[in-house]
Amino acid sequence: MLFTRSVEHSWRYAQAFPFYARLPWRTAYRLAAWQSNYFYQKHAQTRGLIRAQMQQVFTEASTEQMDTWVHDYFCMVEQEALDTWFLDQPSMPEIVQLSGFEVVQAARASGQKVLLSTGHFGRFWMAGPAMRQAGQTIGTITRDGGATNQHGLHPAEYRYRLWKLQRLQRVLAGPFLVEGEDLRPLYKELNKHLITLLFDVSYNETLRGSVTVPFLNGTISVPTGIYKIAKKTKAVVAPFYMQDSGSGAVVAEFSQLLDPHNYNDEEFMSLLATQLESRIRARPGQWWLWEALPLLRRQ
């Protein structure tokens, strides 16, 4: 992930963001956006990698468009980090709105199990506190949260991520399971909570059970875990995507519920990939995984 080895992490997490969080939220997010310009200039290699991947997808994009998208990416990263300090603040209803969430609430009210699905698009964690305020509890499966720093993160980044997950779990009030551990408890937890699974990439190798689907002028290989879990547990899947409204505000937009029994695994994952791609094409700078696109393209 971006900035994981930067010494700047300590001042970002220890001084800058705590200070911003004491200010009115619009001012705080404006400062985070301003701060992103520093990292845009400083991290030339990361900036170049993201730009190169964008250029392969948007071959007709002008230099000005590319600059805007990459700046947008860096701004999103800083504002997402600041989000952690606002998760339990009274201003949360002003910052995050839900659109189409009524279908999820109706399904839960009827006793239906619901899995939430989203890509690494925008400030996706912010949907959780808004759903919690709407009366739902939310859990997830995460790569972080283990007892050791398995991914070689900068120590300040590792400490921040553990703290972030602790805050998220306290606010969302659902189970947080760590990828690679026994996931059988998840099946039982679906009776009580919404569980969020990310449309993600395997960083080690193509997993067994992956399918190849069209995506961004090519194809990608994606695990079918969400499809298998939904089918096994008789859950429906509620895709949602974050829309940046400007000035720090966001909207979590929910798509129609998907019943896995109406699709095979390739059809189901293709549908999720198509929905995600449409958001990326509308706002390229809001997708987190540009650097990982070559890994997604592995066959």
C-alpha atoms as a PDB file:
ATOM      1  CA  MET A   1       0.000   0.000   0.000  1.00  0.00           C
ATOM      2  CA  LEU A   2       1.001   3.609  -0.471  1.00  0.00           C
ATOM      3  CA  PHE A   3       3.522   5.222   1.926  1.00  0.00           C
ATOM      4  CA  THR A   4       4.030   2.071   4.029  1.00  0.00           C
ATOM      5  CA  ARG A   5       7.763   2.685   4.444  1.00  0.00           C
ATOM      6  CA  SER A   6       7.777   6.439   4.750  1.00  0.00           C
ATOM      7  CA  VAL A   7       9.244   8.024   7.881  1.00  0.00           C
ATOM      8  CA  GLU A   8       6.550  10.674   7.541  1.00  0.00           C
ATOM      9  CA  HIS A   9       4.042   8.279   9.011  1.00  0.00           C
ATOM     10  CA  SER A  10       4.926   9.280  12.552  1.00  0.00           C
ATOM     11  CA  TRP A  11       4.154  12.971  12.101  1.00  0.00           C
ATOM     12  CA  ARG A  12       1.040  12.221  10.064  1.00  0.00           C
ATOM     13  CA  TYR A  13      -0.400   9.938  12.710  1.00  0.00           C
ATOM     14  CA  ALA A  14       1.019  11.490  15.862  1.00  0.00           C
ATOM     15  CA  GLN A  15       0.686  15.197  15.110  1.00  0.00           C
ATOM     16  CA  ALA A  16      -1.086  16.171  11.879  1.00  0.00           C
ATOM     17  CA  PHE A  17      -4.263  14.105  11.905  1.00  0.00           C
ATOM     18  CA  PRO A  18      -4.962  14.429  15.646  1.00  0.00           C
ATOM     19  CA  PHE A  19      -4.666  18.208  15.227  1.00  0.00           C
ATOM     20  CA  TYR A  20      -6.946  18.302  12.178  1.00  0.00           C
ATOM     21  CA  ALA A  21      -9.542  16.201  13.986  1.00  0.00           C
ATOM     22  CA  ARG A  22     -10.008  18.946  16.600  1.00  0.00           C
ATOM     23  CA  LEU A  23     -11.128  21.352  13.885  1.00  0.00           C
ATOM     24  CA  PRO A  24     -14.518  21.579  12.125  1.00  0.00           C
ATOM     25  CA  TRP A  25     -14.702  18.588   9.806  1.00  0.00           C
ATOM     26  CA  ARG A  26     -14.758  20.559   6.554  1.00  0.00           C
ATOM     27  CA  THR A  27     -11.607  22.409   7.601  1.00  0.00           C
ATOM     28  CA  ALA A  28      -9.976  19.144   8.674  1.00  0.00           C
ATOM     29  CA  TYR A  29     -10.578  17.453   5.330  1.00  0.00           C
ATOM     30  CA  ARG A  30      -9.452  20.554   3.463  1.00  0.00           C
ATOM     31  CA  LEU A  31      -6.152  20.391   5.362  1.00  0.00           C
ATOM     32  CA  ALA A  32      -5.791  16.681   4.569  1.00  0.00           C
ATOM     33  CA  ALA A  33      -6.306  17.502   0.886  1.00  0.00           C
ATOM     34  CA  TRP A  34      -3.694  20.244   1.106  1.00  0.00           C
ATOM     35  CA  GLN A  35      -1.291  17.823   2.820  1.00  0.00           C
ATOM     36  CA  SER A  36      -1.697  15.359  -0.048  1.00  0.00           C
ATOM     37  CA  ASN A  37       0.125  17.767  -2.366  1.00  0.00           C
ATOM     38  CA  TYR A  38       3.289  17.239  -0.330  1.00  0.00           C
ATOM     39  CA  PHE A  39       3.117  13.464  -0.762  1.00  0.00           C
ATOM     40  CA  TYR A  40       2.239  13.818  -4.440  1.00  0.00           C
ATOM     41  CA  GLN A  41       5.513  15.669  -4.940  1.00  0.00           C
ATOM     42  CA  LYS A  42       7.575  13.511  -2.585  1.00  0.00           C
ATOM     43  CA  HIS A  43       6.607  10.048  -3.810  1.00  0.00           C
ATOM     44  CA  ALA A  44       7.599  10.289  -7.450  1.00  0.00           C
ATOM     45  CA  GLN A  45       8.018   6.529  -7.907  1.00  0.00           C
ATOM     46  CA  THR A  46       4.550   5.723  -6.582  1.00  0.00           C
ATOM     47  CA  ARG A  47       3.090   8.573  -8.613  1.00  0.00           C
ATOM     48  CA  GLY A  48       4.765   7.209 -11.735  1.00  0.00           C
ATOM     49  CA  LEU A  49       3.552   3.646 -11.199  1.00  0.00           C
ATOM     50  CA  ILE A  50      -0.042   4.728 -10.698  1.00  0.00           C
ATOM     51  CA  ARG A  51       0.098   7.016 -13.699  1.00  0.00           C
ATOM     52  CA  ALA A  52       1.559   4.274 -15.901  1.00  0.00           C
ATOM     53  CA  GLN A  53      -1.256   1.875 -15.040  1.00  0.00           C
ATOM     54  CA  MET A  54      -3.887   4.546 -15.601  1.00  0.00           C
ATOM     55  CA  GLN A  55      -2.337   5.407 -18.951  1.00  0.00           C
ATOM     56  CA  GLN A  56      -2.627   1.803 -20.134  1.00  0.00           C
ATOM     57  CA  VAL A  57      -6.366   1.861 -19.407  1.00  0.00           C
ATOM     58  CA  PHE A  58      -7.171   5.428 -20.471  1.00  0.00           C
ATOM     59  CA  THR A  59      -5.050   5.602 -23.601  1.00  0.00           C
ATOM     60  CA  GLU A  60      -6.777   8.738 -24.881  1.00  0.00           C
ATOM     61  CA  ALA A  61      -6.474  10.709 -21.619  1.00  0.00           C
ATOM     62  CA  SER A  62      -4.692  14.045 -21.771  1.00  0.00           C
ATOM     63  CA  THR A  63      -1.785  14.982 -19.538  1.00  0.00           C
ATOM     64  CA  GLU A  64      -4.071  17.323 -17.607  1.00  0.00           C
ATOM     65  CA  GLN A  65      -6.617  14.553 -17.004  1.00  0.00           C
ATOM     66  CA  MET A  66      -3.922  12.186 -15.775  1.00  0.00           C
ATOM     67  CA  ASP A  67      -2.551  14.840 -13.417  1.00  0.00           C
ATOM     68  CA  THR A  68      -6.035  15.434 -11.998  1.00  0.00           C
ATOM     69  CA  TRP A  69      -6.648  11.721 -11.422  1.00  0.00           C
ATOM     70  CA  VAL A  70      -3.319  11.091  -9.715  1.00  0.00           C
ATOM     71  CA  HIS A  71      -3.777  14.154  -7.492  1.00  0.00           C
ATOM     72  CA  ASP A  72      -7.240  12.808  -6.645  1.00  0.00           C
ATOM     73  CA  TYR A  73      -5.674   9.503  -5.627  1.00  0.00           C
ATOM     74  CA  PHE A  74      -3.208  11.127  -3.226  1.00  0.00           C
ATOM     75  CA  CYS A  75      -5.971  13.292  -1.772  1.00  0.00           C
ATOM     76  CA  MET A  76      -8.135  10.227  -1.165  1.00  0.00           C
ATOM     77  CA  VAL A  77      -5.308   8.492   0.707  1.00  0.00           C
ATOM     78  CA  GLU A  78      -4.850  11.411   3.099  1.00  0.00           C
ATOM     79  CA  GLN A  79      -8.560  11.935   3.695  1.00  0.00           C
ATOM     80  CA  GLU A  80      -9.074   8.198   4.283  1.00  0.00           C
ATOM     81  CA  ALA A  81      -6.393   8.235   6.962  1.00  0.00           C
ATOM     82  CA  LEU A  82      -8.066  11.236   8.609  1.00  0.00           C
ATOM     83  CA  ASP A  83     -11.378   9.316   8.593  1.00  0.00           C
ATOM     84  CA  THR A  84     -10.090   7.151  11.436  1.00  0.00           C
ATOM     85  CA  TRP A  85     -10.274  10.107  13.821  1.00  0.00           C
ATOM     86  CA  PHE A  86     -13.875  10.885  12.815  1.00  0.00           C
ATOM     87  CA  LEU A  87     -15.399   7.399  13.035  1.00  0.00           C
ATOM     88  CA  ASP A  88     -17.233   8.098  16.291  1.00  0.00           C
ATOM     89  CA  GLN A  89     -17.670  11.849  16.017  1.00  0.00           C
ATOM     90  CA  PRO A  90     -21.077  13.630  16.172  1.00  0.00           C
ATOM     91  CA  SER A  91     -20.381  15.066  12.708  1.00  0.00           C
ATOM     92  CA  MET A  92     -20.505  11.608  11.099  1.00  0.00           C
ATOM     93  CA  PRO A  93     -24.083  12.026   9.714  1.00  0.00           C
ATOM     94  CA  GLU A  94     -22.939  15.193   7.939  1.00  0.00           C
ATOM     95  CA  ILE A  95     -19.871  13.508   6.445  1.00  0.00           C
ATOM     96  CA  VAL A  96     -21.432  10.240   5.239  1.00  0.00           C
ATOM     97  CA  GLN A  97     -24.773   9.618   3.555  1.00  0.00           C
ATOM     98  CA  LEU A  98     -26.306   6.269   2.582  1.00  0.00           C
ATOM     99  CA  SER A  99     -28.107   5.844  -0.743  1.00  0.00           C
ATOM    100  CA  GLY A 100     -30.173   2.727  -1.435  1.00  0.00           C
ATOM    101  CA  PHE A 101     -29.478   1.190   1.973  1.00  0.00           C
ATOM    102  CA  GLU A 102     -33.187   0.593   2.463  1.00  0.00           C
ATOM    103  CA  VAL A 103     -32.978  -2.659   0.489  1.00  0.00           C
ATOM    104  CA  VAL A 104     -30.419  -4.001   2.968  1.00  0.00           C
ATOM    105  CA  GLN A 105     -32.501  -2.971   5.961  1.00  0.00           C
ATOM    106  CA  ALA A 106     -35.607  -4.587   4.474  1.00  0.00           C
ATOM    107  CA  ALA A 107     -33.725  -7.819   3.817  1.00  0.00           C
ATOM    108  CA  ARG A 108     -32.398  -7.944   7.372  1.00  0.00           C
ATOM    109  CA  ALA A 109     -35.844  -7.153   8.791  1.00  0.00           C
ATOM    110  CA  SER A 110     -37.214 -10.188   6.929  1.00  0.00           C
ATOM    111  CA  GLY A 111     -34.537 -12.450   8.408  1.00  0.00           C
ATOM    112  CA  GLN A 112     -32.353 -12.584   5.281  1.00  0.00           C
ATOM    113  CA  LYS A 113     -28.581 -12.942   5.719  1.00  0.00           C
ATOM    114  CA  VAL A 114     -26.678 -10.192   3.899  1.00  0.00           C
ATOM    115  CA  LEU A 115     -23.054 -10.013   2.797  1.00  0.00           C
ATOM    116  CA  LEU A 116     -21.792  -6.556   1.836  1.00  0.00           C
ATOM    117  CA  SER A 117     -19.370  -6.352  -1.069  1.00  0.00           C
ATOM    118  CA  THR A 118     -17.201  -3.474  -2.170  1.00  0.00           C
ATOM    119  CA  GLY A 119     -13.994  -2.904  -4.060  1.00  0.00           C
ATOM    120  CA  HIS A 120     -11.025  -0.929  -2.815  1.00  0.00           C
ATOM    121  CA  PHE A 121     -12.741   2.175  -4.093  1.00  0.00           C
ATOM    122  CA  GLY A 122     -12.880   5.467  -2.266  1.00  0.00           C
ATOM    123  CA  ARG A 123     -13.095   5.804   1.502  1.00  0.00           C
ATOM    124  CA  PHE A 124     -15.080   2.579   1.837  1.00  0.00           C
ATOM    125  CA  TRP A 125     -14.663   2.186   5.602  1.00  0.00           C
ATOM    126  CA  MET A 126     -16.810   5.277   6.140  1.00  0.00           C
ATOM    127  CA  ALA A 127     -19.928   3.382   5.094  1.00  0.00           C
ATOM    128  CA  GLY A 128     -19.670   1.336   8.293  1.00  0.00           C
ATOM    129  CA  PRO A 129     -20.339   4.052  10.889  1.00  0.00           C
ATOM    130  CA  ALA A 130     -23.273   5.320   8.816  1.00  0.00           C
ATOM    131  CA  MET A 131     -24.768   1.819   8.661  1.00  0.00           C
ATOM    132  CA  ARG A 132     -24.205   1.462  12.393  1.00  0.00           C
ATOM    133  CA  GLN A 133     -26.115   4.685  13.027  1.00  0.00           C
ATOM    134  CA  ALA A 134     -28.896   3.225  10.867  1.00  0.00           C
ATOM    135  CA  GLY A 135     -29.188   0.375  13.369  1.00  0.00           C
ATOM    136  CA  GLN A 136     -27.029  -2.366  11.825  1.00  0.00           C
ATOM    137  CA  THR A 137     -23.889  -4.001  13.215  1.00  0.00           C
ATOM    138  CA  ILE A 138     -21.081  -4.748  10.781  1.00  0.00           C
ATOM    139  CA  GLY A 139     -18.152  -7.162  10.732  1.00  0.00           C
ATOM    140  CA  THR A 140     -15.490  -7.973   8.159  1.00  0.00           C
ATOM    141  CA  ILE A 141     -12.477 -10.066   7.215  1.00  0.00           C
ATOM    142  CA  THR A 142      -9.227  -8.133   7.203  1.00  0.00           C
ATOM    143  CA  ARG A 143      -5.609  -8.776   6.220  1.00  0.00           C
ATOM    144  CA  ASP A 144      -4.425  -6.676   9.148  1.00  0.00           C
ATOM    145  CA  GLY A 145      -4.929  -7.284  12.834  1.00  0.00           C
ATOM    146  CA  GLY A 146      -2.583 -10.187  13.436  1.00  0.00           C
ATOM    147  CA  ALA A 147      -0.294 -10.352  16.437  1.00  0.00           C
ATOM    148  CA  THR A 148       2.828  -9.784  14.321  1.00  0.00           C
ATOM    149  CA  ASN A 149       3.795  -7.383  11.558  1.00  0.00           C
ATOM    150  CA  GLN A 150       3.651 -10.055   8.839  1.00  0.00           C
ATOM    151  CA  HIS A 151       3.608  -7.658   5.889  1.00  0.00           C
ATOM    152  CA  GLY A 152       6.752  -5.740   6.826  1.00  0.00           C
ATOM    153  CA  LEU A 153       5.027  -2.422   7.376  1.00  0.00           C
ATOM    154  CA  HIS A 154       6.796   0.609   8.794  1.00  0.00           C
ATOM    155  CA  PRO A 155       6.332   0.331  12.607  1.00  0.00           C
ATOM    156  CA  ALA A 156       4.282   3.533  12.750  1.00  0.00           C
ATOM    157  CA  GLU A 157       2.022   2.248   9.961  1.00  0.00           C
ATOM    158  CA  TYR A 158       1.608  -1.095  11.704  1.00  0.00           C
ATOM    159  CA  ARG A 159       0.645   0.580  14.994  1.00  0.00           C
ATOM    160  CA  TYR A 160      -1.772   2.880  13.174  1.00  0.00           C
ATOM    161  CA  ARG A 161      -3.500   0.003  11.387  1.00  0.00           C
ATOM    162  CA  LEU A 162      -3.991  -1.931  14.616  1.00  0.00           C
ATOM    163  CA  TRP A 163      -5.438   1.178  16.268  1.00  0.00           C
ATOM    164  CA  LYS A 164      -7.655   1.844  13.244  1.00  0.00           C
ATOM    165  CA  LEU A 165      -9.049  -1.696  13.356  1.00  0.00           C
ATOM    166  CA  GLN A 166      -9.688  -1.409  17.099  1.00  0.00           C
ATOM    167  CA  ARG A 167     -11.636   1.810  16.534  1.00  0.00           C
ATOM    168  CA  LEU A 168     -13.545   0.339  13.612  1.00  0.00           C
ATOM    169  CA  GLN A 169     -14.492  -2.768  15.546  1.00  0.00           C
ATOM    170  CA  ARG A 170     -15.653  -0.722  18.517  1.00  0.00           C
ATOM    171  CA  VAL A 171     -17.749   1.559  16.318  1.00  0.00           C
ATOM    172  CA  LEU A 172     -19.166  -1.146  14.035  1.00  0.00           C
ATOM    173  CA  ALA A 173     -19.810  -3.620  16.887  1.00  0.00           C
ATOM    174  CA  GLY A 174     -19.438  -6.702  14.691  1.00  0.00           C
ATOM    175  CA  PRO A 175     -16.810  -9.473  14.438  1.00  0.00           C
ATOM    176  CA  PHE A 176     -13.460  -8.715  12.786  1.00  0.00           C
ATOM    177  CA  LEU A 177     -11.862 -11.916  11.489  1.00  0.00           C
ATOM    178  CA  VAL A 178      -8.307 -12.108  10.140  1.00  0.00           C
ATOM    179  CA  GLU A 179      -7.717 -13.559   6.674  1.00  0.00           C
ATOM    180  CA  GLY A 180      -6.197 -17.032   6.888  1.00  0.00           C
ATOM    181  CA  GLU A 181      -7.806 -17.915  10.187  1.00  0.00           C
ATOM    182  CA  ASP A 182     -10.761 -20.275  10.636  1.00  0.00           C
ATOM    183  CA  LEU A 183     -13.698 -18.544   8.949  1.00  0.00           C
ATOM    184  CA  ARG A 184     -16.396 -20.943  10.133  1.00  0.00           C
ATOM    185  CA  PRO A 185     -17.501 -18.480  12.827  1.00  0.00           C
ATOM    186  CA  LEU A 186     -18.420 -16.107  10.001  1.00  0.00           C
ATOM    187  CA  TYR A 187     -21.297 -18.364   8.980  1.00  0.00           C
ATOM    188  CA  LYS A 188     -22.878 -18.071  12.410  1.00  0.00           C
ATOM    189  CA  GLU A 189     -22.184 -14.340  12.663  1.00  0.00           C
ATOM    190  CA  LEU A 190     -24.238 -13.690   9.519  1.00  0.00           C
ATOM    191  CA  ASN A 191     -27.352 -14.396  11.562  1.00  0.00           C
ATOM    192  CA  LYS A 192     -26.645 -11.299  13.653  1.00  0.00           C
ATOM    193  CA  HIS A 193     -24.476  -8.927  11.624  1.00  0.00           C
ATOM    194  CA  LEU A 194     -23.790  -7.565   8.178  1.00  0.00           C
ATOM    195  CA  ILE A 195     -20.417  -8.901   7.030  1.00  0.00           C
ATOM    196  CA  THR A 196     -18.313  -6.959   4.531  1.00  0.00           C
ATOM    197  CA  LEU A 197     -16.037  -8.799   2.080  1.00  0.00           C
ATOM    198  CA  LEU A 198     -13.754  -6.841  -0.230  1.00  0.00           C
ATOM    199  CA  PHE A 199     -13.370  -7.477  -3.939  1.00  0.00           C
ATOM    200  CA  ASP A 200      -9.623  -7.922  -3.545  1.00  0.00           C
ATOM    201  CA  VAL A 201      -6.403  -9.242  -5.034  1.00  0.00           C
ATOM    202  CA  SER A 202      -4.208 -12.110  -3.922  1.00  0.00           C
ATOM    203  CA  TYR A 203      -0.673 -10.776  -3.525  1.00  0.00           C
ATOM    204  CA  ASN A 204       1.090 -14.139  -3.469  1.00  0.00           C
ATOM    205  CA  GLU A 205      -0.277 -16.294  -6.243  1.00  0.00           C
ATOM    206  CA  THR A 206      -3.445 -17.014  -8.138  1.00  0.00           C
ATOM    207  CA  LEU A 207      -5.682 -18.870  -5.704  1.00  0.00           C
ATOM    208  CA  ARG A 208      -7.446 -22.093  -6.489  1.00  0.00           C
ATOM    209  CA  GLY A 209     -11.050 -21.385  -7.280  1.00  0.00           C
ATOM    210  CA  SER A 210     -10.334 -18.040  -8.941  1.00  0.00           C
ATOM    211  CA  VAL A 211     -12.119 -17.065 -12.141  1.00  0.00           C
ATOM    212  CA  THR A 212     -11.053 -14.842 -15.008  1.00  0.00           C
ATOM    213  CA  VAL A 213     -13.348 -11.906 -15.780  1.00  0.00           C
ATOM    214  CA  PRO A 214     -13.220  -8.865 -18.096  1.00  0.00           C
ATOM    215  CA  PHE A 215     -11.872  -5.724 -16.436  1.00  0.00           C
ATOM    216  CA  LEU A 216     -10.375  -2.417 -17.593  1.00  0.00           C
ATOM    217  CA  ASN A 217      -9.523  -3.297 -21.220  1.00  0.00           C
ATOM    218  CA  GLY A 218      -8.280  -6.745 -20.280  1.00  0.00           C
ATOM    219  CA  THR A 219      -9.009  -9.565 -17.891  1.00  0.00           C
ATOM    220  CA  ILE A 220      -8.246 -10.196 -14.226  1.00  0.00           C
ATOM    221  CA  SER A 221      -8.178 -13.291 -12.025  1.00  0.00           C
ATOM    222  CA  VAL A 222     -10.264 -12.937  -8.856  1.00  0.00           C
ATOM    223  CA  PRO A 223     -11.048 -15.294  -5.960  1.00  0.00           C
ATOM    224  CA  THR A 224     -14.672 -16.432  -5.733  1.00  0.00           C
ATOM    225  CA  GLY A 225     -14.811 -16.487  -1.938  1.00  0.00           C
ATOM    226  CA  ILE A 226     -17.718 -14.069  -1.600  1.00  0.00           C
ATOM    227  CA  TYR A 227     -19.787 -16.082  -4.081  1.00  0.00           C
ATOM    228  CA  LYS A 228     -19.044 -19.376  -2.318  1.00  0.00           C
ATOM    229  CA  ILE A 229     -19.748 -18.005   1.152  1.00  0.00           C
ATOM    230  CA  ALA A 230     -22.997 -16.372   0.062  1.00  0.00           C
ATOM    231  CA  LYS A 231     -24.179 -19.551  -1.637  1.00  0.00           C
ATOM    232  CA  LYS A 232     -23.184 -21.771   1.283  1.00  0.00           C
ATOM    233  CA  THR A 233     -24.898 -19.562   3.872  1.00  0.00           C
ATOM    234  CA  LYS A 234     -27.941 -18.725   1.697  1.00  0.00           C
ATOM    235  CA  ALA A 235     -27.078 -15.033   1.946  1.00  0.00           C
ATOM    236  CA  VAL A 236     -27.703 -12.305  -0.594  1.00  0.00           C
ATOM    237  CA  VAL A 237     -24.925  -9.905  -1.579  1.00  0.00           C
ATOM    238  CA  ALA A 238     -25.309  -6.127  -1.361  1.00  0.00           C
ATOM    239  CA  PRO A 239     -22.637  -4.325  -3.428  1.00  0.00           C
ATOM    240  CA  PHE A 240     -21.865  -0.741  -2.452  1.00  0.00           C
ATOM    241  CA  TYR A 241     -19.460   1.879  -3.711  1.00  0.00           C
ATOM    242  CA  MET A 242     -18.308   5.188  -2.271  1.00  0.00           C
ATOM    243  CA  GLN A 243     -18.974   8.413  -4.129  1.00  0.00           C
ATOM    244  CA  ASP A 244     -16.820  11.407  -3.184  1.00  0.00           C
ATOM    245  CA  SER A 245     -19.048  14.464  -2.830  1.00  0.00           C
ATOM    246  CA  GLY A 246     -16.231  16.946  -2.319  1.00  0.00           C
ATOM    247  CA  SER A 247     -15.108  18.890   0.759  1.00  0.00           C
ATOM    248  CA  GLY A 248     -14.620  15.634   2.686  1.00  0.00           C
ATOM    249  CA  ALA A 249     -18.188  14.342   2.336  1.00  0.00           C
ATOM    250  CA  VAL A 250     -18.987  10.927   0.822  1.00  0.00           C
ATOM    251  CA  VAL A 251     -22.032   8.880  -0.187  1.00  0.00           C
ATOM    252  CA  ALA A 252     -22.226   5.081   0.094  1.00  0.00           C
ATOM    253  CA  GLU A 253     -24.274   4.009  -2.909  1.00  0.00           C
ATOM    254  CA  PHE A 254     -25.862   0.540  -2.666  1.00  0.00           C
ATOM    255  CA  SER A 255     -26.717  -1.527  -5.733  1.00  0.00           C
ATOM    256  CA  GLN A 256     -29.544  -4.053  -5.950  1.00  0.00           C
ATOM    257  CA  LEU A 257     -29.210  -7.230  -3.907  1.00  0.00           C
ATOM    258  CA  LEU A 258     -27.689 -10.205  -5.728  1.00  0.00           C
ATOM    259  CA  ASP A 259     -28.758 -13.799  -5.087  1.00  0.00           C
ATOM    260  CA  PRO A 260     -25.794 -16.116  -5.846  1.00  0.00           C
ATOM    261  CA  HIS A 261     -28.169 -18.933  -6.769  1.00  0.00           C
ATOM    262  CA  ASN A 262     -29.082 -16.965  -9.904  1.00  0.00           C
ATOM    263  CA  TYR A 263     -25.506 -17.122 -11.250  1.00  0.00           C
ATOM    264  CA  ASN A 264     -22.500 -19.356 -11.580  1.00  0.00           C
ATOM    265  CA  ASP A 265     -19.238 -18.182 -10.040  1.00  0.00           C
ATOM    266  CA  GLU A 266     -17.868 -16.574 -13.205  1.00  0.00           C
ATOM    267  CA  GLU A 267     -21.106 -14.727 -13.944  1.00  0.00           C
ATOM    268  CA  PHE A 268     -21.344 -13.467 -10.383  1.00  0.00           C
ATOM    269  CA  MET A 269     -17.756 -12.189 -10.184  1.00  0.00           C
ATOM    270  CA  SER A 270     -18.071 -10.670 -13.668  1.00  0.00           C
ATOM    271  CA  LEU A 271     -21.072  -8.685 -12.480  1.00  0.00           C
ATOM    272  CA  LEU A 272     -19.159  -7.350  -9.467  1.00  0.00           C
ATOM    273  CA  ALA A 273     -16.169  -6.521 -11.680  1.00  0.00           C
ATOM    274  CA  THR A 274     -18.412  -4.664 -14.141  1.00  0.00           C
ATOM    275  CA  GLN A 275     -19.981  -2.598 -11.373  1.00  0.00           C
ATOM    276  CA  LEU A 276     -16.573  -1.725  -9.956  1.00  0.00           C
ATOM    277  CA  GLU A 277     -15.168  -0.854 -13.374  1.00  0.00           C
ATOM    278  CA  SER A 278     -17.998   1.584 -14.049  1.00  0.00           C
ATOM    279  CA  ARG A 279     -17.089   3.475 -10.854  1.00  0.00           C
ATOM    280  CA  ILE A 280     -13.398   3.457 -11.713  1.00  0.00           C
ATOM    281  CA  ARG A 281     -14.035   4.844 -15.177  1.00  0.00           C
ATOM    282  CA  ALA A 282     -16.157   7.620 -13.702  1.00  0.00           C
ATOM    283  CA  ARG A 283     -13.538   8.540 -11.071  1.00  0.00           C
ATOM    284  CA  PRO A 284     -10.151   6.845 -11.723  1.00  0.00           C
ATOM    285  CA  GLY A 285      -8.366   8.535  -8.818  1.00  0.00           C
ATOM    286  CA  GLN A 286     -10.632   6.859  -6.274  1.00  0.00           C
ATOM    287  CA  TRP A 287      -9.402   3.289  -6.898  1.00  0.00           C
ATOM    288  CA  TRP A 288      -6.769   2.060  -4.475  1.00  0.00           C
ATOM    289  CA  LEU A 289      -5.340  -0.840  -6.493  1.00  0.00           C
ATOM    290  CA  TRP A 290      -3.757   0.795  -9.520  1.00  0.00           C
ATOM    291  CA  GLU A 291      -0.316  -0.395  -8.431  1.00  0.00           C
ATOM    292  CA  ALA A 292      -1.685  -3.920  -7.983  1.00  0.00           C
ATOM    293  CA  LEU A 293      -3.378  -4.106 -11.399  1.00  0.00           C
ATOM    294  CA  PRO A 294      -0.555  -6.283 -12.854  1.00  0.00           C
ATOM    295  CA  LEU A 295      -1.148  -8.780 -10.015  1.00  0.00           C
ATOM    296  CA  LEU A 296      -4.863  -8.839 -10.772  1.00  0.00           C
ATOM    297  CA  ARG A 297      -4.079  -9.555 -14.410  1.00  0.00           C
ATOM    298  CA  ARG A 298      -2.110 -12.742 -13.595  1.00  0.00           C
ATOM    299  CA  GLN A 299      -3.645 -15.850 -15.106  1.00  0.00           C
END
